[in-house]
Amino acid sequence: MSSPLDDLDQRKVRIEKLNRIKEAGYKPYAERFDRTHYLSTACNLPIGTENVKIAGRVMALRKFGKLIFATLQDYYGSMQIGLVGKEIPEKFEEFTKFVDLGDFIGCEGYIYTTQKGEITLKVVQWTFLSKTLLPMPEKHSGLKNIESCYRQRYLDLTMNKETLNRFKKRILLTKTIRRFLEEHDFEEIETPVLQTKASGAMATPFMTHQRALDIDLCLRISPETYLKRAIAGGFDRVYEFARSFRNEGMDPSHLQDFTLLEYYCAYWNYEDNMNFTEKLVKHVLDKVHGSRILNYGNTTIDFGQKWERISFRDLILKDSGIDIEELKTKESLLQKITEKGIKLDAAVDTLGRGNLIDQLYKKVSRPSIINPTFVIKHPLDLSPLARMNDDNEMIVDRFQLVINGWEVVNAYSELVDPLDQRQRLISQSLAKAGGDVEAMEMDEDFLLCMEHGMPPISGWGMGIDRFSALLTNSENLRDVVLFPLMKPEV
């Protein structure tokens, strides 16, 4: 890329051009342009089609005496335009003097092919739409620095076709999921981002203060309890693409703010939900990816084979030799982990038994799961909002869909017993008071809703960023978030 000093010099030159454009009686920043075709559509018009109006950013300029070729780019594609000096002498001269790479222009003309056979718009009229003051990155070096791509995503999208295609694929992903859910009678609703309780998941919230009401609030960590309120109110199937926030560490698979898709269905249990999940994910692979075989880095993930279902207990027992159901206290579990020589990646002093089990699972089991796998029957104290299993009171009717070491979906048969829910929230509150910052708070308003009655429910949550990263072979979730949070440059 050019240096900051070079950019300032070019900015000065372009501002001088801007003033000359104004002096010539033109508006360098247009109100609108009445285009007739996107560039990709115009490229497919019959040769000789007249009165074609296109617009876009100038991405390449090639001058051959009294002949100019330029490449325009828009969201849908690119197209070559040609200007011939003897045919439009005045407009040709203005184009030569005023147009720079990166400018937005609108053109009118007819379709023809060059001697090299390239479909081109022969320009008979053109106009400024927007004059750029800073140069685009150099064509050959481009914009390759990863941090620059995150900070200046607008340049990344413009210069790197693979970036734009990655986000087009993410957009198609959300559209496909939305259509599938609506075809199965789900209704899209909205729930609050500002909440009085950090509910719906075990995570550390962002806190804020609302001055008018003089109350402390948190940014939602999940829309769960409000979507359940909607079911209690009479909705049958609801979903939300919910921007969610968790004040925790950052790594390639975790972000502070992320898109969480959650849905809830009355009268389903977690097994109904597992069956539906497999249909949904395979449908998305077919529509968005075109195959049920996915290559992620050097790993091949097979979505077409039978999806294994394995209990949380059996998985950890297989991978560590520890039977979590025999160890009913945090202390006995921690002692066994120490005896096995397993070193966890998190400080364990303040963790409750549930979060300790979760850290063990993340250390010894989850990283080795590649193909889509349903991990089922989680420990009760790791799942404060899930329904207790009828045959084993130490586990809940829950599943996670794990793919390539990432938890992509979390779902369960919802707890709708208000007295059981109260006892679990009391236990969570005690854990929080003991220093477990991710434990949940008591939520009397949600309990009030539960006491008015809820039908059987199964709920589901998917990290859209993680699924998008898998589908686009992206190593970092920031690669699939248009404008990721970045620390300000000093």
Protein backbone atom coordinates (compact mmCIF):
# COMPACT_ATOMS: atom_id res chain seq x y z
CA MET A 1 0.00 0.00 0.00
CA SER A 2 1.00 3.62 -0.38
CA SER A 3 2.46 5.41 2.65
CA PRO A 4 0.39 7.87 4.72
CA LEU A 5 2.53 10.71 3.30
CA ASP A 6 1.79 9.62 -0.26
CA ASP A 7 -1.89 9.50 0.60
CA LEU A 8 -1.79 13.07 1.92
CA ASP A 9 -0.07 14.27 -1.26
CA GLN A 10 -2.68 12.55 -3.42
CA ARG A 11 -5.44 13.95 -1.24
CA LYS A 12 -4.14 17.46 -1.93
CA VAL A 13 -4.08 16.77 -5.68
CA ARG A 14 -7.59 15.34 -5.64
CA ILE A 15 -9.00 18.29 -3.70
CA GLU A 16 -7.53 20.56 -6.35
CA LYS A 17 -9.30 18.44 -8.98
CA LEU A 18 -12.48 18.67 -6.95
CA ASN A 19 -12.32 22.44 -7.06
CA ARG A 20 -11.72 22.41 -10.82
CA ILE A 21 -14.73 20.13 -11.28
CA LYS A 22 -16.88 22.62 -9.39
CA GLU A 23 -15.43 25.54 -11.40
CA ALA A 24 -16.39 23.68 -14.59
CA GLY A 25 -20.00 23.73 -13.41
CA TYR A 26 -20.35 20.08 -12.35
CA LYS A 27 -21.56 18.60 -9.08
CA PRO A 28 -18.92 16.13 -7.87
CA TYR A 29 -21.37 14.54 -5.40
CA ALA A 30 -24.58 13.68 -7.21
CA GLU A 31 -28.03 13.32 -5.69
CA ARG A 32 -28.86 10.14 -7.61
CA PHE A 33 -28.36 8.25 -10.86
CA ASP A 34 -31.08 6.55 -12.86
CA ARG A 35 -29.31 3.33 -13.82
CA THR A 36 -31.08 0.73 -15.92
CA HIS A 37 -28.91 -2.30 -15.16
CA TYR A 38 -26.52 -3.74 -12.61
CA LEU A 39 -23.09 -4.36 -14.15
CA SER A 40 -23.47 -8.15 -14.14
CA THR A 41 -26.80 -7.79 -15.97
CA ALA A 42 -25.45 -5.31 -18.50
CA CYS A 43 -22.65 -7.74 -19.41
CA ASN A 44 -25.28 -10.20 -20.63
CA LEU A 45 -27.25 -7.79 -22.82
CA PRO A 46 -27.34 -8.41 -26.58
CA ILE A 47 -24.67 -6.65 -28.62
CA GLY A 48 -26.01 -3.33 -29.87
CA THR A 49 -28.40 -2.72 -26.96
CA GLU A 50 -28.76 1.05 -26.61
CA ASN A 51 -29.69 3.45 -23.82
CA VAL A 52 -27.93 1.34 -21.19
CA LYS A 53 -27.20 3.23 -17.98
CA ILE A 54 -24.75 1.75 -15.47
CA ALA A 55 -22.89 3.03 -12.42
CA GLY A 56 -20.04 1.94 -10.18
CA ARG A 57 -16.60 2.59 -8.76
CA VAL A 58 -13.67 3.00 -11.17
CA MET A 59 -11.29 0.13 -10.39
CA ALA A 60 -8.98 0.26 -13.42
CA LEU A 61 -8.00 2.88 -16.02
CA ARG A 62 -6.16 2.24 -19.29
CA LYS A 63 -5.42 5.12 -21.68
CA PHE A 64 -4.33 4.65 -25.30
CA GLY A 65 -4.13 8.11 -26.84
CA LYS A 66 -7.70 9.02 -27.82
CA LEU A 67 -9.09 5.78 -26.41
CA ILE A 68 -9.80 5.05 -22.74
CA PHE A 69 -10.90 1.79 -21.18
CA ALA A 70 -12.02 1.65 -17.56
CA THR A 71 -13.45 -1.06 -15.32
CA LEU A 72 -16.44 -0.27 -13.14
CA GLN A 73 -17.41 -2.35 -10.11
CA ASP A 74 -20.64 -2.66 -8.14
CA TYR A 75 -22.02 -5.17 -5.63
CA TYR A 76 -23.01 -7.65 -8.32
CA GLY A 77 -19.95 -7.60 -10.55
CA SER A 78 -17.77 -5.54 -12.88
CA MET A 79 -17.82 -4.33 -16.48
CA GLN A 80 -15.55 -2.56 -18.93
CA ILE A 81 -16.47 0.80 -20.42
CA GLY A 82 -14.85 2.46 -23.41
CA LEU A 83 -14.57 6.15 -24.37
CA VAL A 84 -13.47 7.27 -27.83
CA GLY A 85 -12.10 10.81 -28.05
CA LYS A 86 -13.31 11.62 -31.57
CA GLU A 87 -16.87 10.52 -30.73
CA ILE A 88 -17.32 12.50 -27.48
CA PRO A 89 -14.40 14.96 -27.49
CA GLU A 90 -15.57 17.24 -24.65
CA LYS A 91 -16.64 14.46 -22.27
CA PHE A 92 -13.49 12.50 -23.18
CA GLU A 93 -11.29 15.45 -22.22
CA GLU A 94 -13.14 15.94 -18.92
CA PHE A 95 -12.81 12.24 -18.12
CA THR A 96 -9.06 12.46 -18.74
CA LYS A 97 -8.64 15.50 -16.51
CA PHE A 98 -11.01 14.70 -13.65
CA VAL A 99 -11.48 10.94 -13.12
CA ASP A 100 -9.26 8.97 -10.72
CA LEU A 101 -9.24 5.39 -9.53
CA GLY A 102 -11.85 4.95 -6.83
CA ASP A 103 -14.27 7.58 -8.17
CA PHE A 104 -17.92 6.67 -8.64
CA ILE A 105 -19.33 7.53 -12.06
CA GLY A 106 -22.49 6.90 -14.04
CA CYS A 107 -22.38 6.11 -17.76
CA GLU A 108 -24.84 5.84 -20.63
CA GLY A 109 -24.14 4.10 -23.90
CA TYR A 110 -24.55 0.93 -25.95
CA ILE A 111 -23.16 -2.59 -25.76
CA TYR A 112 -20.39 -3.70 -28.12
CA THR A 113 -17.37 -6.00 -28.15
CA THR A 114 -13.76 -4.87 -28.43
CA GLN A 115 -11.25 -6.33 -30.85
CA LYS A 116 -10.24 -8.71 -28.06
CA GLY A 117 -13.86 -9.84 -27.75
CA GLU A 118 -14.62 -8.22 -24.37
CA ILE A 119 -18.18 -7.08 -23.72
CA THR A 120 -18.00 -3.31 -23.21
CA LEU A 121 -20.25 -0.30 -22.81
CA LYS A 122 -19.38 2.33 -25.45
CA VAL A 123 -19.90 5.57 -23.50
CA VAL A 124 -21.87 8.36 -25.13
CA GLN A 125 -22.44 10.27 -21.88
CA TRP A 126 -21.04 10.07 -18.34
CA THR A 127 -21.36 11.98 -15.09
CA PHE A 128 -19.66 12.24 -11.71
CA LEU A 129 -21.43 10.54 -8.83
CA SER A 130 -18.83 10.83 -6.09
CA LYS A 131 -15.23 12.08 -6.08
CA THR A 132 -12.80 10.19 -3.82
CA LEU A 133 -10.19 12.18 -1.92
CA LEU A 134 -7.91 9.33 -0.86
CA PRO A 135 -6.36 6.75 -3.19
CA MET A 136 -7.34 3.11 -3.26
CA PRO A 137 -4.74 0.50 -2.22
CA GLU A 138 -2.33 -0.34 -5.03
CA LYS A 139 -3.70 -2.96 -7.39
CA HIS A 140 -0.90 -5.52 -7.04
CA SER A 141 -0.12 -5.21 -3.30
CA GLY A 142 -3.80 -4.64 -2.51
CA LEU A 143 -5.09 -4.72 1.05
CA LYS A 144 -3.58 -7.85 2.61
CA ASN A 145 -2.77 -6.88 6.20
CA ILE A 146 -5.33 -8.70 8.37
CA GLU A 147 -5.74 -5.91 10.92
CA SER A 148 -6.20 -3.34 8.14
CA CYS A 149 -8.88 -5.56 6.61
CA TYR A 150 -10.77 -5.55 9.93
CA ARG A 151 -10.33 -1.83 10.56
CA GLN A 152 -11.05 -0.70 6.98
CA ARG A 153 -13.56 -3.31 5.91
CA TYR A 154 -14.91 -0.95 3.23
CA LEU A 155 -11.54 -1.17 1.44
CA ASP A 156 -11.31 -4.91 2.09
CA LEU A 157 -14.70 -5.41 0.44
CA THR A 158 -13.73 -3.26 -2.51
CA MET A 159 -10.26 -4.66 -3.16
CA ASN A 160 -10.66 -8.33 -2.18
CA LYS A 161 -13.33 -10.19 -4.11
CA GLU A 162 -13.09 -13.18 -1.78
CA THR A 163 -14.10 -10.96 1.15
CA LEU A 164 -17.24 -9.73 -0.58
CA ASN A 165 -18.10 -13.29 -1.61
CA ARG A 166 -17.62 -14.46 1.99
CA PHE A 167 -20.19 -11.97 3.23
CA LYS A 168 -22.55 -12.75 0.38
CA LYS A 169 -22.42 -16.37 1.55
CA ARG A 170 -23.19 -15.33 5.11
CA ILE A 171 -26.17 -13.31 3.88
CA LEU A 172 -27.41 -16.32 1.91
CA LEU A 173 -26.97 -18.46 5.03
CA THR A 174 -29.26 -16.27 7.14
CA LYS A 175 -31.81 -15.98 4.33
CA THR A 176 -31.87 -19.76 3.90
CA ILE A 177 -32.33 -20.41 7.61
CA ARG A 178 -35.04 -17.77 7.87
CA ARG A 179 -36.99 -19.26 4.96
CA PHE A 180 -36.65 -22.78 6.33
CA LEU A 181 -37.94 -21.73 9.75
CA GLU A 182 -40.84 -19.78 8.26
CA GLU A 183 -41.76 -22.73 6.04
CA HIS A 184 -42.06 -24.72 9.29
CA ASP A 185 -44.40 -22.17 10.91
CA PHE A 186 -41.88 -20.23 13.01
CA GLU A 187 -42.57 -16.52 13.61
CA GLU A 188 -39.73 -13.97 13.83
CA ILE A 189 -40.06 -11.64 16.83
CA GLU A 190 -37.84 -9.17 18.70
CA THR A 191 -36.78 -9.16 22.36
CA PRO A 192 -35.00 -6.52 24.49
CA VAL A 193 -31.27 -5.88 24.15
CA LEU A 194 -31.24 -3.95 27.44
CA GLN A 195 -32.30 -6.25 30.28
CA THR A 196 -32.52 -6.03 34.05
CA LYS A 197 -31.09 -9.55 34.51
CA ALA A 198 -28.27 -11.39 32.78
CA SER A 199 -30.43 -14.37 31.90
CA GLY A 200 -30.55 -17.11 29.30
CA ALA A 201 -26.98 -18.39 29.56
CA MET A 202 -24.05 -18.73 31.94
CA ALA A 203 -21.79 -15.83 30.94
CA THR A 204 -20.38 -12.52 32.15
CA PRO A 205 -22.55 -9.57 31.01
CA PHE A 206 -21.75 -6.02 29.95
CA MET A 207 -23.26 -3.60 32.45
CA THR A 208 -24.63 -0.11 31.89
CA HIS A 209 -26.83 2.44 33.67
CA GLN A 210 -30.08 3.98 32.46
CA ARG A 211 -30.29 7.55 33.74
CA ALA A 212 -33.99 8.25 33.24
CA LEU A 213 -35.06 5.26 35.33
CA ASP A 214 -31.90 5.30 37.46
CA ILE A 215 -31.40 1.55 37.14
CA ASP A 216 -28.50 -0.70 36.28
CA LEU A 217 -28.98 -2.78 33.13
CA CYS A 218 -27.03 -5.37 31.19
CA LEU A 219 -26.72 -6.05 27.50
CA ARG A 220 -28.40 -9.36 26.78
CA ILE A 221 -26.27 -12.46 26.76
CA SER A 222 -29.16 -14.40 25.21
CA PRO A 223 -32.78 -13.74 24.16
CA GLU A 224 -33.89 -17.03 25.76
CA THR A 225 -36.10 -16.02 28.67
CA TYR A 226 -38.00 -13.43 26.61
CA LEU A 227 -38.62 -15.85 23.75
CA LYS A 228 -40.03 -18.25 26.36
CA ARG A 229 -42.27 -15.48 27.64
CA ALA A 230 -43.67 -15.22 24.11
CA ILE A 231 -44.44 -18.96 24.11
CA ALA A 232 -46.16 -18.54 27.50
CA GLY A 233 -48.20 -15.76 25.95
CA GLY A 234 -49.57 -18.01 23.21
CA PHE A 235 -47.00 -18.04 20.39
CA ASP A 236 -46.38 -21.57 19.14
CA ARG A 237 -42.99 -21.27 17.40
CA VAL A 238 -40.74 -18.19 17.60
CA TYR A 239 -37.21 -17.25 16.58
CA GLU A 240 -34.85 -14.27 16.62
CA PHE A 241 -31.50 -13.41 15.06
CA ALA A 242 -30.31 -11.71 18.25
CA ARG A 243 -27.19 -9.58 18.59
CA SER A 244 -25.82 -10.77 21.94
CA PHE A 245 -23.02 -9.57 24.21
CA ARG A 246 -20.67 -11.34 26.63
CA ASN A 247 -17.91 -9.57 28.51
CA GLU A 248 -15.35 -12.33 28.21
CA GLY A 249 -12.06 -13.12 26.50
CA MET A 250 -11.48 -12.90 22.76
CA ASP A 251 -10.01 -15.63 20.59
CA PRO A 252 -10.59 -16.89 17.03
CA SER A 253 -13.81 -18.65 18.10
CA HIS A 254 -15.19 -16.08 20.59
CA LEU A 255 -16.27 -12.44 20.22
CA GLN A 256 -17.75 -9.95 22.69
CA ASP A 257 -20.71 -9.21 20.44
CA PHE A 258 -22.04 -11.89 18.13
CA THR A 259 -25.16 -13.05 16.31
CA LEU A 260 -27.11 -15.72 18.16
CA LEU A 261 -30.05 -17.36 16.42
CA GLU A 262 -32.51 -18.84 18.90
CA TYR A 263 -35.85 -20.55 18.31
CA TYR A 264 -38.44 -22.14 20.61
CA CYS A 265 -41.17 -24.62 19.75
CA ALA A 266 -44.14 -25.51 21.95
CA TYR A 267 -44.83 -29.22 22.51
CA TRP A 268 -41.44 -30.44 21.21
CA ASN A 269 -38.79 -32.20 23.29
CA TYR A 270 -35.04 -32.19 22.70
CA GLU A 271 -35.20 -35.31 20.53
CA ASP A 272 -37.74 -33.66 18.19
CA ASN A 273 -35.34 -30.75 18.11
CA MET A 274 -32.33 -32.92 17.24
CA ASN A 275 -34.18 -34.43 14.31
CA PHE A 276 -35.22 -30.97 13.09
CA THR A 277 -31.68 -29.62 13.54
CA GLU A 278 -30.19 -32.29 11.31
CA LYS A 279 -32.75 -31.50 8.60
CA LEU A 280 -32.11 -27.75 8.92
CA VAL A 281 -28.31 -27.98 8.77
CA LYS A 282 -28.32 -30.40 5.83
CA HIS A 283 -30.78 -28.12 4.00
CA VAL A 284 -28.46 -25.15 4.57
CA LEU A 285 -25.44 -27.12 3.31
CA ASP A 286 -27.35 -28.10 0.17
CA LYS A 287 -28.58 -24.56 -0.59
CA VAL A 288 -25.60 -22.46 0.49
CA HIS A 289 -22.62 -24.76 -0.02
CA GLY A 290 -23.93 -27.16 -2.65
CA SER A 291 -22.41 -30.19 -0.92
CA ARG A 292 -22.54 -32.07 2.37
CA ILE A 293 -18.75 -32.39 2.39
CA LEU A 294 -17.06 -29.32 3.83
CA ASN A 295 -13.33 -28.59 3.75
CA TYR A 296 -12.16 -26.43 6.64
CA GLY A 297 -8.42 -25.76 6.51
CA ASN A 298 -6.85 -29.18 6.17
CA THR A 299 -9.87 -30.92 7.71
CA THR A 300 -12.68 -32.62 5.81
CA ILE A 301 -16.06 -32.55 7.58
CA ASP A 302 -18.73 -35.00 6.43
CA PHE A 303 -22.29 -33.81 7.04
CA GLY A 304 -23.75 -36.59 4.92
CA GLN A 305 -22.86 -39.52 7.17
CA LYS A 306 -24.88 -40.63 10.20
CA TRP A 307 -24.60 -38.03 12.98
CA GLU A 308 -23.39 -39.67 16.20
CA ARG A 309 -25.27 -39.09 19.46
CA ILE A 310 -23.18 -39.54 22.62
CA SER A 311 -23.87 -38.59 26.24
CA PHE A 312 -21.78 -35.99 28.04
CA ARG A 313 -20.86 -38.59 30.66
CA ASP A 314 -19.79 -41.26 28.15
CA LEU A 315 -17.77 -38.78 26.12
CA ILE A 316 -15.74 -37.52 29.10
CA LEU A 317 -15.34 -41.07 30.47
CA LYS A 318 -14.00 -42.21 27.09
CA ASP A 319 -11.55 -39.33 26.77
CA SER A 320 -10.34 -38.95 30.36
CA GLY A 321 -11.36 -42.02 32.37
CA ILE A 322 -13.36 -39.78 34.72
CA ASP A 323 -16.99 -40.70 35.49
CA ILE A 324 -18.61 -37.37 36.34
CA GLU A 325 -21.77 -39.05 37.69
CA GLU A 326 -19.74 -40.77 40.42
CA LEU A 327 -18.26 -37.44 41.53
CA LYS A 328 -21.15 -35.47 42.96
CA THR A 329 -19.20 -32.56 44.47
CA LYS A 330 -16.80 -30.02 43.01
CA GLU A 331 -14.10 -31.11 45.46
CA SER A 332 -14.22 -34.80 44.52
CA LEU A 333 -14.25 -33.97 40.82
CA LEU A 334 -11.30 -31.60 41.16
CA GLN A 335 -9.35 -34.22 43.09
CA LYS A 336 -9.92 -36.78 40.32
CA ILE A 337 -8.88 -34.27 37.63
CA THR A 338 -5.67 -33.63 39.58
CA GLU A 339 -5.02 -37.37 40.00
CA LYS A 340 -5.33 -37.82 36.24
CA GLY A 341 -2.78 -35.06 35.65
CA ILE A 342 -5.21 -33.00 33.56
CA LYS A 343 -4.43 -29.28 33.52
CA LEU A 344 -7.46 -27.13 32.72
CA ASP A 345 -7.21 -23.86 30.79
CA ALA A 346 -9.16 -21.80 33.36
CA ALA A 347 -8.73 -20.94 37.03
CA VAL A 348 -10.89 -23.39 38.97
CA ASP A 349 -11.03 -21.82 42.44
CA THR A 350 -14.24 -19.88 41.85
CA LEU A 351 -15.97 -22.36 39.51
CA GLY A 352 -18.97 -24.38 40.60
CA ARG A 353 -19.19 -28.09 39.80
CA GLY A 354 -21.11 -27.44 36.56
CA ASN A 355 -18.58 -25.03 35.09
CA LEU A 356 -15.74 -27.28 36.26
CA ILE A 357 -17.25 -30.15 34.28
CA ASP A 358 -17.58 -27.83 31.29
CA GLN A 359 -13.89 -26.90 31.49
CA LEU A 360 -12.97 -30.59 31.65
CA TYR A 361 -15.11 -31.34 28.59
CA LYS A 362 -13.58 -28.46 26.65
CA LYS A 363 -10.10 -29.71 27.53
CA VAL A 364 -10.33 -33.45 26.89
CA SER A 365 -13.26 -34.01 24.51
CA ARG A 366 -14.55 -31.18 22.40
CA PRO A 367 -11.36 -30.41 20.40
CA SER A 368 -11.28 -33.96 18.96
CA ILE A 369 -14.85 -33.90 17.58
CA ILE A 370 -14.71 -33.25 13.81
CA ASN A 371 -17.85 -34.54 12.06
CA PRO A 372 -21.26 -33.27 13.22
CA THR A 373 -21.92 -34.88 16.61
CA PHE A 374 -24.80 -34.47 19.06
CA VAL A 375 -23.44 -34.38 22.62
CA ILE A 376 -26.48 -35.18 24.79
CA LYS A 377 -27.61 -35.57 28.43
CA HIS A 378 -25.62 -32.80 30.09
CA PRO A 379 -25.12 -32.51 33.88
CA LEU A 380 -27.92 -30.78 35.74
CA ASP A 381 -25.68 -28.16 37.36
CA LEU A 382 -24.34 -27.13 33.95
CA SER A 383 -27.86 -26.50 32.60
CA PRO A 384 -29.94 -24.26 34.89
CA LEU A 385 -32.71 -23.69 32.32
CA ALA A 386 -33.04 -27.22 30.92
CA ARG A 387 -35.59 -29.88 31.89
CA MET A 388 -34.44 -32.63 34.23
CA ASN A 389 -34.39 -36.11 32.72
CA ASP A 390 -37.28 -38.28 33.96
CA ASP A 391 -35.04 -41.30 34.61
CA ASN A 392 -31.87 -39.65 35.95
CA GLU A 393 -32.12 -36.52 38.08
CA MET A 394 -28.40 -35.74 37.64
CA ILE A 395 -28.79 -34.96 33.93
CA VAL A 396 -31.00 -32.84 31.70
CA ASP A 397 -32.59 -33.40 28.30
CA ARG A 398 -30.11 -31.31 26.35
CA PHE A 399 -27.88 -31.55 23.29
CA GLN A 400 -25.06 -29.61 21.70
CA LEU A 401 -24.14 -29.93 18.04
CA VAL A 402 -20.35 -29.92 17.89
CA ILE A 403 -18.52 -29.55 14.57
CA ASN A 404 -14.73 -29.40 14.19
CA GLY A 405 -14.28 -28.69 17.90
CA TRP A 406 -16.79 -25.82 17.94
CA GLU A 407 -20.13 -25.80 19.69
CA VAL A 408 -22.40 -24.64 16.87
CA VAL A 409 -25.82 -25.42 18.39
CA ASN A 410 -27.02 -25.65 21.99
CA ALA A 411 -30.55 -26.91 22.65
CA TYR A 412 -32.74 -28.69 25.17
CA SER A 413 -36.14 -29.56 26.47
CA GLU A 414 -36.94 -26.42 28.42
CA LEU A 415 -37.57 -26.39 32.13
CA VAL A 416 -41.19 -25.27 32.59
CA ASP A 417 -41.59 -26.31 36.26
CA PRO A 418 -41.44 -22.99 38.16
CA LEU A 419 -40.58 -24.55 41.53
CA ASP A 420 -37.70 -26.55 40.09
CA GLN A 421 -36.54 -23.44 38.23
CA ARG A 422 -36.59 -21.40 41.44
CA GLN A 423 -34.40 -23.93 43.25
CA ARG A 424 -31.89 -23.98 40.41
CA LEU A 425 -31.68 -20.20 40.27
CA ILE A 426 -31.13 -20.15 44.02
CA SER A 427 -28.22 -22.56 43.54
CA GLN A 428 -26.89 -20.40 40.72
CA SER A 429 -27.17 -17.27 42.88
CA LEU A 430 -25.20 -18.95 45.67
CA ALA A 431 -22.50 -19.93 43.18
CA LYS A 432 -22.39 -16.35 41.94
CA ALA A 433 -22.10 -15.04 45.49
CA GLY A 434 -19.20 -17.47 45.93
CA GLY A 435 -17.31 -15.88 43.05
CA ASP A 436 -18.55 -17.72 39.93
CA VAL A 437 -19.05 -14.67 37.70
CA GLU A 438 -20.70 -16.73 34.95
CA ALA A 439 -23.41 -18.17 37.21
CA MET A 440 -26.96 -16.90 36.65
CA GLU A 441 -28.89 -14.45 38.81
CA MET A 442 -32.25 -14.86 40.46
CA ASP A 443 -34.92 -13.61 38.02
CA GLU A 444 -38.23 -13.10 39.79
CA ASP A 445 -39.93 -11.60 36.73
CA PHE A 446 -39.20 -14.71 34.67
CA LEU A 447 -40.35 -16.94 37.53
CA LEU A 448 -43.59 -14.93 37.69
CA CYS A 449 -44.16 -15.73 34.02
CA MET A 450 -43.44 -19.42 34.62
CA GLU A 451 -45.90 -19.59 37.50
CA HIS A 452 -48.63 -18.42 35.13
CA GLY A 453 -47.94 -21.54 33.08
CA MET A 454 -45.88 -22.69 30.10
CA PRO A 455 -46.51 -25.58 27.69
CA PRO A 456 -43.77 -28.16 27.03
CA ILE A 457 -41.06 -26.35 25.02
CA SER A 458 -37.82 -27.20 23.28
CA GLY A 459 -35.42 -24.34 22.55
CA TRP A 460 -32.35 -24.00 20.34
CA GLY A 461 -29.46 -21.60 19.81
CA MET A 462 -26.87 -21.36 17.02
CA GLY A 463 -23.81 -19.13 16.78
CA ILE A 464 -24.30 -17.71 13.30
CA ASP A 465 -20.74 -16.37 13.22
CA ARG A 466 -19.30 -19.81 13.94
CA PHE A 467 -21.45 -21.54 11.36
CA SER A 468 -20.57 -18.84 8.82
CA ALA A 469 -16.86 -19.36 9.54
CA LEU A 470 -17.20 -23.09 8.91
CA LEU A 471 -19.06 -22.56 5.64
CA THR A 472 -16.55 -20.01 4.36
CA ASN A 473 -13.37 -21.74 5.59
CA SER A 474 -12.54 -18.77 7.84
CA GLU A 475 -10.05 -19.20 10.68
CA ASN A 476 -11.28 -16.30 12.77
CA LEU A 477 -14.82 -15.17 13.57
CA ARG A 478 -13.72 -11.62 12.77
CA ASP A 479 -13.42 -12.74 9.16
CA VAL A 480 -17.21 -13.24 8.97
CA VAL A 481 -18.23 -10.14 10.97
CA LEU A 482 -18.41 -7.05 8.80
CA PHE A 483 -17.21 -4.60 11.43
CA PRO A 484 -15.59 -6.47 14.35
CA LEU A 485 -14.71 -4.68 17.58
CA MET A 486 -11.11 -3.42 17.48
CA LYS A 487 -8.99 -1.66 20.04
CA PRO A 488 -8.51 1.96 18.90
CA GLU A 489 -5.19 2.71 17.24
CA VAL A 490 -2.91 4.90 19.34
